[in-house]
Amino acid sequence: HTRSGFTIIEVMLFLGLSGLILVGVIAGTYTTIAVQRYNDSVRSFAEFLRQTYAEVISPETLGTGASNDYAIYGKVIVFGLEESSSHQDTVYTATLIGNTEIPSGSGTFAEELKSVDARLFCGSTEAELDSTVDPYHPLWESKIMNPDNQQFTGTVIIARSPTSGTVHTAYSTEQFNLKENCQPDNQSASTRFHTFLDENPGSFSTREDLNFCIKSGNSNIVRDVRLRADGHNTSAINILSDDDPEVKCR
């Protein structure tokens, strides 16, 4: 009887096709994982902003910084203290405090904060309290960019009005080095913030939406996380869909 079997060419064709299929499966799996990680990083950043509003609305949750000598008004968020080319595009936050006396007059949100001598809580060497500086690290080394494809920089204030108690949001392109200069033994960031607010309250705007473009080296997708102008609560944060006419990130 004649013995049948596969020829060398047939075996090579089978192995070649199997290899191509395996490569396709692996590539597809990698792409799926990259997209999932990217989506996680976008949701994480949006949740970080929402959590900040939640803490401002319920300041008793902030813990360190509470005192009978001053009031907790909210939080400041500083972007762009580290180069976007670095391993982490870290964002830094700190608690905003001020005098307990309610101002008699009214004005803009920044002017009200100025009237209570708003400043950053960087700890107290006498009481040996820790600084309230807290870093947020975007997931999977994502970058926080602006619509012009540059690193997002500046300072966002999310705080309660000293007169009405309403939460407001303001933004300035100015930066305050929380990373290095807001510690119990180094109050220079707080001093600089206080001086800048006193001299330039108009630099903090409540009139413009902020669009954070989240980018990742593992994905070609760019999502737009929008913070509405003068946001009052967590509803001010939205992850915009690609077909949203207000999308600024491409």
C-alpha atoms as a PDB file:
ATOM      1  CA  HIS A   1       0.000   0.000   0.000  1.00  0.00           C
ATOM      2  CA  THR A   2       1.082   3.622  -0.702  1.00  0.00           C
ATOM      3  CA  ARG A   3       1.583   5.645   2.508  1.00  0.00           C
ATOM      4  CA  SER A   4      -0.048   9.096   2.447  1.00  0.00           C
ATOM      5  CA  GLY A   5       1.056  12.182   4.410  1.00  0.00           C
ATOM      6  CA  PHE A   6       1.887  15.851   4.216  1.00  0.00           C
ATOM      7  CA  THR A   7       4.622  17.120   1.970  1.00  0.00           C
ATOM      8  CA  ILE A   8       7.257  19.502   3.283  1.00  0.00           C
ATOM      9  CA  ILE A   9       5.609  22.358   1.320  1.00  0.00           C
ATOM     10  CA  GLU A  10       2.211  21.631   2.911  1.00  0.00           C
ATOM     11  CA  VAL A  11       3.739  21.576   6.379  1.00  0.00           C
ATOM     12  CA  MET A  12       5.519  24.881   5.723  1.00  0.00           C
ATOM     13  CA  LEU A  13       2.315  26.463   4.442  1.00  0.00           C
ATOM     14  CA  PHE A  14       0.438  25.273   7.523  1.00  0.00           C
ATOM     15  CA  LEU A  15       3.070  26.615   9.888  1.00  0.00           C
ATOM     16  CA  GLY A  16       3.233  29.918   8.015  1.00  0.00           C
ATOM     17  CA  LEU A  17      -0.518  30.427   8.103  1.00  0.00           C
ATOM     18  CA  SER A  18      -0.656  29.433  11.763  1.00  0.00           C
ATOM     19  CA  GLY A  19       2.078  31.957  12.541  1.00  0.00           C
ATOM     20  CA  LEU A  20       0.213  34.742  10.742  1.00  0.00           C
ATOM     21  CA  ILE A  21      -2.982  33.926  12.625  1.00  0.00           C
ATOM     22  CA  LEU A  22      -1.094  33.894  15.939  1.00  0.00           C
ATOM     23  CA  VAL A  23       0.538  37.265  15.188  1.00  0.00           C
ATOM     24  CA  GLY A  24      -2.870  38.729  14.345  1.00  0.00           C
ATOM     25  CA  VAL A  25      -4.378  37.430  17.577  1.00  0.00           C
ATOM     26  CA  ILE A  26      -1.488  38.790  19.666  1.00  0.00           C
ATOM     27  CA  ALA A  27      -1.620  42.187  17.919  1.00  0.00           C
ATOM     28  CA  GLY A  28      -5.365  42.400  18.421  1.00  0.00           C
ATOM     29  CA  THR A  29      -5.018  41.488  22.090  1.00  0.00           C
ATOM     30  CA  TYR A  30      -2.313  44.122  22.590  1.00  0.00           C
ATOM     31  CA  THR A  31      -4.465  46.766  20.922  1.00  0.00           C
ATOM     32  CA  THR A  32      -7.438  45.840  23.092  1.00  0.00           C
ATOM     33  CA  ILE A  33      -5.331  46.047  26.259  1.00  0.00           C
ATOM     34  CA  ALA A  34      -3.855  49.413  25.185  1.00  0.00           C
ATOM     35  CA  VAL A  35      -7.316  50.865  24.527  1.00  0.00           C
ATOM     36  CA  GLN A  36      -8.615  49.554  27.849  1.00  0.00           C
ATOM     37  CA  ARG A  37      -5.689  51.039  29.726  1.00  0.00           C
ATOM     38  CA  TYR A  38      -6.178  54.357  27.979  1.00  0.00           C
ATOM     39  CA  ASN A  39      -9.892  54.437  28.819  1.00  0.00           C
ATOM     40  CA  ASP A  40      -8.991  53.648  32.438  1.00  0.00           C
ATOM     41  CA  SER A  41      -6.599  56.612  32.510  1.00  0.00           C
ATOM     42  CA  VAL A  42      -9.292  58.970  31.179  1.00  0.00           C
ATOM     43  CA  ARG A  43     -11.866  57.786  33.720  1.00  0.00           C
ATOM     44  CA  SER A  44      -9.281  57.998  36.506  1.00  0.00           C
ATOM     45  CA  PHE A  45      -8.492  61.635  35.730  1.00  0.00           C
ATOM     46  CA  ALA A  46     -12.183  62.574  35.553  1.00  0.00           C
ATOM     47  CA  GLU A  47     -12.742  60.812  38.884  1.00  0.00           C
ATOM     48  CA  PHE A  48      -9.788  62.692  40.391  1.00  0.00           C
ATOM     49  CA  LEU A  49     -11.499  65.994  39.531  1.00  0.00           C
ATOM     50  CA  ARG A  50     -14.857  64.760  40.847  1.00  0.00           C
ATOM     51  CA  GLN A  51     -13.230  63.634  44.084  1.00  0.00           C
ATOM     52  CA  THR A  52     -11.745  67.103  44.510  1.00  0.00           C
ATOM     53  CA  TYR A  53     -15.214  68.650  44.261  1.00  0.00           C
ATOM     54  CA  ALA A  54     -16.545  66.107  46.753  1.00  0.00           C
ATOM     55  CA  GLU A  55     -13.818  67.042  49.249  1.00  0.00           C
ATOM     56  CA  VAL A  56     -14.504  70.764  48.830  1.00  0.00           C
ATOM     57  CA  ILE A  57     -18.242  70.283  49.296  1.00  0.00           C
ATOM     58  CA  SER A  58     -17.554  68.260  52.466  1.00  0.00           C
ATOM     59  CA  PRO A  59     -14.386  69.898  53.866  1.00  0.00           C
ATOM     60  CA  GLU A  60     -14.489  67.801  57.034  1.00  0.00           C
ATOM     61  CA  THR A  61     -13.168  64.942  54.896  1.00  0.00           C
ATOM     62  CA  LEU A  62      -9.926  66.836  54.280  1.00  0.00           C
ATOM     63  CA  GLY A  63      -8.629  66.125  57.778  1.00  0.00           C
ATOM     64  CA  THR A  64      -5.250  67.832  58.090  1.00  0.00           C
ATOM     65  CA  GLY A  65      -5.648  71.591  57.927  1.00  0.00           C
ATOM     66  CA  ALA A  66      -8.714  71.857  60.130  1.00  0.00           C
ATOM     67  CA  SER A  67      -8.377  74.467  62.879  1.00  0.00           C
ATOM     68  CA  ASN A  68     -10.328  76.941  64.982  1.00  0.00           C
ATOM     69  CA  ASP A  69      -7.911  79.631  63.817  1.00  0.00           C
ATOM     70  CA  TYR A  70      -8.767  79.461  60.133  1.00  0.00           C
ATOM     71  CA  ALA A  71     -11.342  78.041  57.750  1.00  0.00           C
ATOM     72  CA  ILE A  72     -10.867  75.473  55.003  1.00  0.00           C
ATOM     73  CA  TYR A  73     -12.200  76.909  51.754  1.00  0.00           C
ATOM     74  CA  GLY A  74     -11.201  74.315  49.200  1.00  0.00           C
ATOM     75  CA  LYS A  75      -8.361  72.963  47.113  1.00  0.00           C
ATOM     76  CA  VAL A  76      -5.855  74.167  44.558  1.00  0.00           C
ATOM     77  CA  ILE A  77      -4.673  71.920  41.721  1.00  0.00           C
ATOM     78  CA  VAL A  78      -1.377  72.704  40.010  1.00  0.00           C
ATOM     79  CA  PHE A  79      -0.577  71.256  36.588  1.00  0.00           C
ATOM     80  CA  GLY A  80       2.702  71.075  34.710  1.00  0.00           C
ATOM     81  CA  LEU A  81       5.259  71.173  37.526  1.00  0.00           C
ATOM     82  CA  GLU A  82       7.079  68.294  35.856  1.00  0.00           C
ATOM     83  CA  GLU A  83       8.066  68.084  32.221  1.00  0.00           C
ATOM     84  CA  SER A  84       5.597  66.046  30.181  1.00  0.00           C
ATOM     85  CA  SER A  85       8.522  64.060  28.782  1.00  0.00           C
ATOM     86  CA  SER A  86       9.280  62.728  32.257  1.00  0.00           C
ATOM     87  CA  HIS A  87       8.127  59.362  33.511  1.00  0.00           C
ATOM     88  CA  GLN A  88       5.096  60.876  35.240  1.00  0.00           C
ATOM     89  CA  ASP A  89       3.012  63.934  34.375  1.00  0.00           C
ATOM     90  CA  THR A  90       2.144  64.378  38.058  1.00  0.00           C
ATOM     91  CA  VAL A  91      -0.533  66.801  39.268  1.00  0.00           C
ATOM     92  CA  TYR A  92      -0.312  68.288  42.766  1.00  0.00           C
ATOM     93  CA  THR A  93      -3.082  69.458  45.099  1.00  0.00           C
ATOM     94  CA  ALA A  94      -3.132  71.319  48.406  1.00  0.00           C
ATOM     95  CA  THR A  95      -5.770  72.581  50.806  1.00  0.00           C
ATOM     96  CA  LEU A  96      -6.792  76.248  50.614  1.00  0.00           C
ATOM     97  CA  ILE A  97      -7.362  77.999  53.943  1.00  0.00           C
ATOM     98  CA  GLY A  98      -8.179  81.539  55.058  1.00  0.00           C
ATOM     99  CA  ASN A  99      -9.485  83.707  57.873  1.00  0.00           C
ATOM    100  CA  THR A 100     -12.734  82.733  59.563  1.00  0.00           C
ATOM    101  CA  GLU A 101     -14.293  86.219  59.449  1.00  0.00           C
ATOM    102  CA  ILE A 102     -16.943  86.569  56.724  1.00  0.00           C
ATOM    103  CA  PRO A 103     -16.143  89.532  54.457  1.00  0.00           C
ATOM    104  CA  SER A 104     -18.582  92.428  54.670  1.00  0.00           C
ATOM    105  CA  GLY A 105     -18.320  93.356  51.010  1.00  0.00           C
ATOM    106  CA  SER A 106     -18.758  91.372  47.834  1.00  0.00           C
ATOM    107  CA  GLY A 107     -16.776  91.029  44.657  1.00  0.00           C
ATOM    108  CA  THR A 108     -15.470  88.407  42.310  1.00  0.00           C
ATOM    109  CA  PHE A 109     -14.689  84.946  43.618  1.00  0.00           C
ATOM    110  CA  ALA A 110     -10.948  85.681  43.648  1.00  0.00           C
ATOM    111  CA  GLU A 111     -11.511  89.024  45.381  1.00  0.00           C
ATOM    112  CA  GLU A 112     -13.497  87.269  48.114  1.00  0.00           C
ATOM    113  CA  LEU A 113     -10.648  84.820  48.641  1.00  0.00           C
ATOM    114  CA  LYS A 114      -8.261  87.746  48.761  1.00  0.00           C
ATOM    115  CA  SER A 115     -10.368  89.392  51.487  1.00  0.00           C
ATOM    116  CA  VAL A 116      -9.921  86.368  53.789  1.00  0.00           C
ATOM    117  CA  ASP A 117      -6.158  86.168  53.113  1.00  0.00           C
ATOM    118  CA  ALA A 118      -6.507  82.825  51.335  1.00  0.00           C
ATOM    119  CA  ARG A 119      -3.331  80.763  51.393  1.00  0.00           C
ATOM    120  CA  LEU A 120      -2.113  77.193  51.072  1.00  0.00           C
ATOM    121  CA  PHE A 121      -1.855  74.891  54.038  1.00  0.00           C
ATOM    122  CA  CYS A 122       1.709  73.624  53.928  1.00  0.00           C
ATOM    123  CA  GLY A 123       1.843  72.356  57.502  1.00  0.00           C
ATOM    124  CA  SER A 124       3.046  73.892  60.725  1.00  0.00           C
ATOM    125  CA  THR A 125       6.505  73.354  62.139  1.00  0.00           C
ATOM    126  CA  GLU A 126       5.249  74.238  65.646  1.00  0.00           C
ATOM    127  CA  ALA A 127       2.512  71.611  65.616  1.00  0.00           C
ATOM    128  CA  GLU A 128       4.567  69.262  63.413  1.00  0.00           C
ATOM    129  CA  LEU A 129       1.638  68.817  61.062  1.00  0.00           C
ATOM    130  CA  ASP A 130       2.132  67.287  57.651  1.00  0.00           C
ATOM    131  CA  SER A 131       1.674  69.285  54.489  1.00  0.00           C
ATOM    132  CA  THR A 132      -1.621  68.766  52.671  1.00  0.00           C
ATOM    133  CA  VAL A 133       0.183  68.404  49.350  1.00  0.00           C
ATOM    134  CA  ASP A 134      -1.032  65.312  47.552  1.00  0.00           C
ATOM    135  CA  PRO A 135       0.202  64.045  44.155  1.00  0.00           C
ATOM    136  CA  TYR A 136      -2.027  62.516  41.515  1.00  0.00           C
ATOM    137  CA  HIS A 137      -0.317  60.259  38.969  1.00  0.00           C
ATOM    138  CA  PRO A 138      -2.177  59.696  35.671  1.00  0.00           C
ATOM    139  CA  LEU A 139      -2.561  55.998  34.959  1.00  0.00           C
ATOM    140  CA  TRP A 140      -0.361  54.216  32.411  1.00  0.00           C
ATOM    141  CA  GLU A 141       1.902  57.260  31.990  1.00  0.00           C
ATOM    142  CA  SER A 142      -0.803  59.269  30.233  1.00  0.00           C
ATOM    143  CA  LYS A 143      -0.132  62.929  29.519  1.00  0.00           C
ATOM    144  CA  ILE A 144      -2.456  65.842  30.287  1.00  0.00           C
ATOM    145  CA  MET A 145      -2.299  68.228  27.342  1.00  0.00           C
ATOM    146  CA  ASN A 146      -4.165  71.338  26.209  1.00  0.00           C
ATOM    147  CA  PRO A 147      -6.041  71.644  22.868  1.00  0.00           C
ATOM    148  CA  ASP A 148      -2.871  73.130  21.307  1.00  0.00           C
ATOM    149  CA  ASN A 149      -1.082  69.830  21.956  1.00  0.00           C
ATOM    150  CA  GLN A 150       1.093  71.368  24.666  1.00  0.00           C
ATOM    151  CA  GLN A 151       1.450  70.248  28.257  1.00  0.00           C
ATOM    152  CA  PHE A 152      -1.413  71.601  30.346  1.00  0.00           C
ATOM    153  CA  THR A 153      -0.015  74.063  32.880  1.00  0.00           C
ATOM    154  CA  GLY A 154      -1.480  76.410  35.453  1.00  0.00           C
ATOM    155  CA  THR A 155      -3.495  76.423  38.659  1.00  0.00           C
ATOM    156  CA  VAL A 156      -7.153  75.557  39.230  1.00  0.00           C
ATOM    157  CA  ILE A 157      -8.905  76.729  42.398  1.00  0.00           C
ATOM    158  CA  ILE A 158     -11.972  74.774  43.494  1.00  0.00           C
ATOM    159  CA  ALA A 159     -13.277  76.422  46.648  1.00  0.00           C
ATOM    160  CA  ARG A 160     -16.284  77.763  48.512  1.00  0.00           C
ATOM    161  CA  SER A 161     -17.151  81.446  48.438  1.00  0.00           C
ATOM    162  CA  PRO A 162     -16.371  83.029  51.850  1.00  0.00           C
ATOM    163  CA  THR A 163     -19.652  84.983  51.698  1.00  0.00           C
ATOM    164  CA  SER A 164     -22.194  82.573  50.186  1.00  0.00           C
ATOM    165  CA  GLY A 165     -20.598  79.154  50.658  1.00  0.00           C
ATOM    166  CA  THR A 166     -21.193  78.341  46.980  1.00  0.00           C
ATOM    167  CA  VAL A 167     -18.451  76.310  45.332  1.00  0.00           C
ATOM    168  CA  HIS A 168     -16.695  78.106  42.464  1.00  0.00           C
ATOM    169  CA  THR A 169     -13.921  77.180  40.047  1.00  0.00           C
ATOM    170  CA  ALA A 170     -11.225  79.540  38.783  1.00  0.00           C
ATOM    171  CA  TYR A 171      -8.150  79.100  36.602  1.00  0.00           C
ATOM    172  CA  SER A 172      -4.859  80.952  36.179  1.00  0.00           C
ATOM    173  CA  THR A 173      -1.868  80.161  34.003  1.00  0.00           C
ATOM    174  CA  GLU A 174       0.323  80.915  37.030  1.00  0.00           C
ATOM    175  CA  GLN A 175       1.955  77.943  38.771  1.00  0.00           C
ATOM    176  CA  PHE A 176       2.856  77.453  42.417  1.00  0.00           C
ATOM    177  CA  ASN A 177       5.487  74.869  43.225  1.00  0.00           C
ATOM    178  CA  LEU A 178       3.633  72.598  45.627  1.00  0.00           C
ATOM    179  CA  LYS A 179       6.038  69.774  44.928  1.00  0.00           C
ATOM    180  CA  GLU A 180       9.068  71.442  46.532  1.00  0.00           C
ATOM    181  CA  ASN A 181       7.858  74.577  48.334  1.00  0.00           C
ATOM    182  CA  CYS A 182       4.806  73.578  50.351  1.00  0.00           C
ATOM    183  CA  GLN A 183       6.116  71.743  53.407  1.00  0.00           C
ATOM    184  CA  PRO A 184       6.203  72.482  57.156  1.00  0.00           C
ATOM    185  CA  ASP A 185       9.747  73.790  56.790  1.00  0.00           C
ATOM    186  CA  ASN A 186       9.135  75.575  53.483  1.00  0.00           C
ATOM    187  CA  GLN A 187       6.106  77.862  53.183  1.00  0.00           C
ATOM    188  CA  SER A 188       7.301  79.775  50.109  1.00  0.00           C
ATOM    189  CA  ALA A 189       4.597  78.355  47.805  1.00  0.00           C
ATOM    190  CA  SER A 190       1.889  79.538  50.208  1.00  0.00           C
ATOM    191  CA  THR A 191       3.503  82.951  50.557  1.00  0.00           C
ATOM    192  CA  ARG A 192       3.784  83.324  46.804  1.00  0.00           C
ATOM    193  CA  PHE A 193       0.182  82.235  46.268  1.00  0.00           C
ATOM    194  CA  HIS A 194      -1.058  84.724  48.877  1.00  0.00           C
ATOM    195  CA  THR A 195       0.976  87.554  47.351  1.00  0.00           C
ATOM    196  CA  PHE A 196      -0.084  86.729  43.800  1.00  0.00           C
ATOM    197  CA  LEU A 197      -3.763  86.558  44.752  1.00  0.00           C
ATOM    198  CA  ASP A 198      -3.489  89.829  46.648  1.00  0.00           C
ATOM    199  CA  GLU A 199      -1.859  91.622  43.714  1.00  0.00           C
ATOM    200  CA  ASN A 200      -3.546  89.860  40.775  1.00  0.00           C
ATOM    201  CA  PRO A 201      -7.026  88.586  41.714  1.00  0.00           C
ATOM    202  CA  GLY A 202      -8.167  89.234  38.133  1.00  0.00           C
ATOM    203  CA  SER A 203      -5.707  86.601  36.890  1.00  0.00           C
ATOM    204  CA  PHE A 204      -8.006  83.862  38.199  1.00  0.00           C
ATOM    205  CA  SER A 205     -10.777  83.491  35.644  1.00  0.00           C
ATOM    206  CA  THR A 206     -14.148  81.814  36.172  1.00  0.00           C
ATOM    207  CA  ARG A 207     -15.314  82.443  32.611  1.00  0.00           C
ATOM    208  CA  GLU A 208     -13.636  79.778  30.514  1.00  0.00           C
ATOM    209  CA  ASP A 209     -14.128  76.051  30.096  1.00  0.00           C
ATOM    210  CA  LEU A 210     -11.018  73.970  30.587  1.00  0.00           C
ATOM    211  CA  ASN A 211     -10.374  71.128  28.161  1.00  0.00           C
ATOM    212  CA  PHE A 212      -7.898  68.497  29.286  1.00  0.00           C
ATOM    213  CA  CYS A 213      -6.665  66.362  26.390  1.00  0.00           C
ATOM    214  CA  ILE A 214      -5.593  62.964  27.697  1.00  0.00           C
ATOM    215  CA  LYS A 215      -2.927  61.351  25.547  1.00  0.00           C
ATOM    216  CA  SER A 216      -1.050  58.083  25.790  1.00  0.00           C
ATOM    217  CA  GLY A 217       1.884  56.632  23.920  1.00  0.00           C
ATOM    218  CA  ASN A 218       0.067  53.282  23.836  1.00  0.00           C
ATOM    219  CA  SER A 219      -3.009  54.587  22.041  1.00  0.00           C
ATOM    220  CA  ASN A 220      -3.784  56.915  19.147  1.00  0.00           C
ATOM    221  CA  ILE A 221      -7.037  57.960  20.801  1.00  0.00           C
ATOM    222  CA  VAL A 222      -7.307  61.438  22.354  1.00  0.00           C
ATOM    223  CA  ARG A 223     -10.222  62.051  24.725  1.00  0.00           C
ATOM    224  CA  ASP A 224     -11.436  65.415  25.951  1.00  0.00           C
ATOM    225  CA  VAL A 225     -12.207  65.818  29.664  1.00  0.00           C
ATOM    226  CA  ARG A 226     -13.998  69.144  30.013  1.00  0.00           C
ATOM    227  CA  LEU A 227     -14.280  71.186  33.204  1.00  0.00           C
ATOM    228  CA  ARG A 228     -17.085  73.707  32.838  1.00  0.00           C
ATOM    229  CA  ALA A 229     -16.352  77.353  33.614  1.00  0.00           C
ATOM    230  CA  ASP A 230     -17.011  78.200  37.264  1.00  0.00           C
ATOM    231  CA  GLY A 231     -18.098  74.650  38.050  1.00  0.00           C
ATOM    232  CA  HIS A 232     -20.052  74.201  41.276  1.00  0.00           C
ATOM    233  CA  ASN A 233     -20.076  70.424  41.690  1.00  0.00           C
ATOM    234  CA  THR A 234     -19.150  67.126  40.045  1.00  0.00           C
ATOM    235  CA  SER A 235     -21.576  67.736  37.159  1.00  0.00           C
ATOM    236  CA  ALA A 236     -19.053  70.275  35.828  1.00  0.00           C
ATOM    237  CA  ILE A 237     -16.823  67.386  34.643  1.00  0.00           C
ATOM    238  CA  ASN A 238     -17.648  65.538  31.444  1.00  0.00           C
ATOM    239  CA  ILE A 239     -15.785  63.088  29.231  1.00  0.00           C
ATOM    240  CA  LEU A 240     -16.745  64.275  25.766  1.00  0.00           C
ATOM    241  CA  SER A 241     -17.487  61.823  22.977  1.00  0.00           C
ATOM    242  CA  ASP A 242     -15.688  62.188  19.648  1.00  0.00           C
ATOM    243  CA  ASP A 243     -18.818  63.454  17.919  1.00  0.00           C
ATOM    244  CA  ASP A 244     -19.547  66.121  20.538  1.00  0.00           C
ATOM    245  CA  PRO A 245     -19.484  69.561  18.825  1.00  0.00           C
ATOM    246  CA  GLU A 246     -17.681  71.016  21.848  1.00  0.00           C
ATOM    247  CA  VAL A 247     -14.698  68.689  21.573  1.00  0.00           C
ATOM    248  CA  LYS A 248     -11.415  70.628  21.476  1.00  0.00           C
ATOM    249  CA  CYS A 249      -8.960  67.725  21.557  1.00  0.00           C
ATOM    250  CA  ARG A 250      -7.931  66.067  18.304  1.00  0.00           C
END
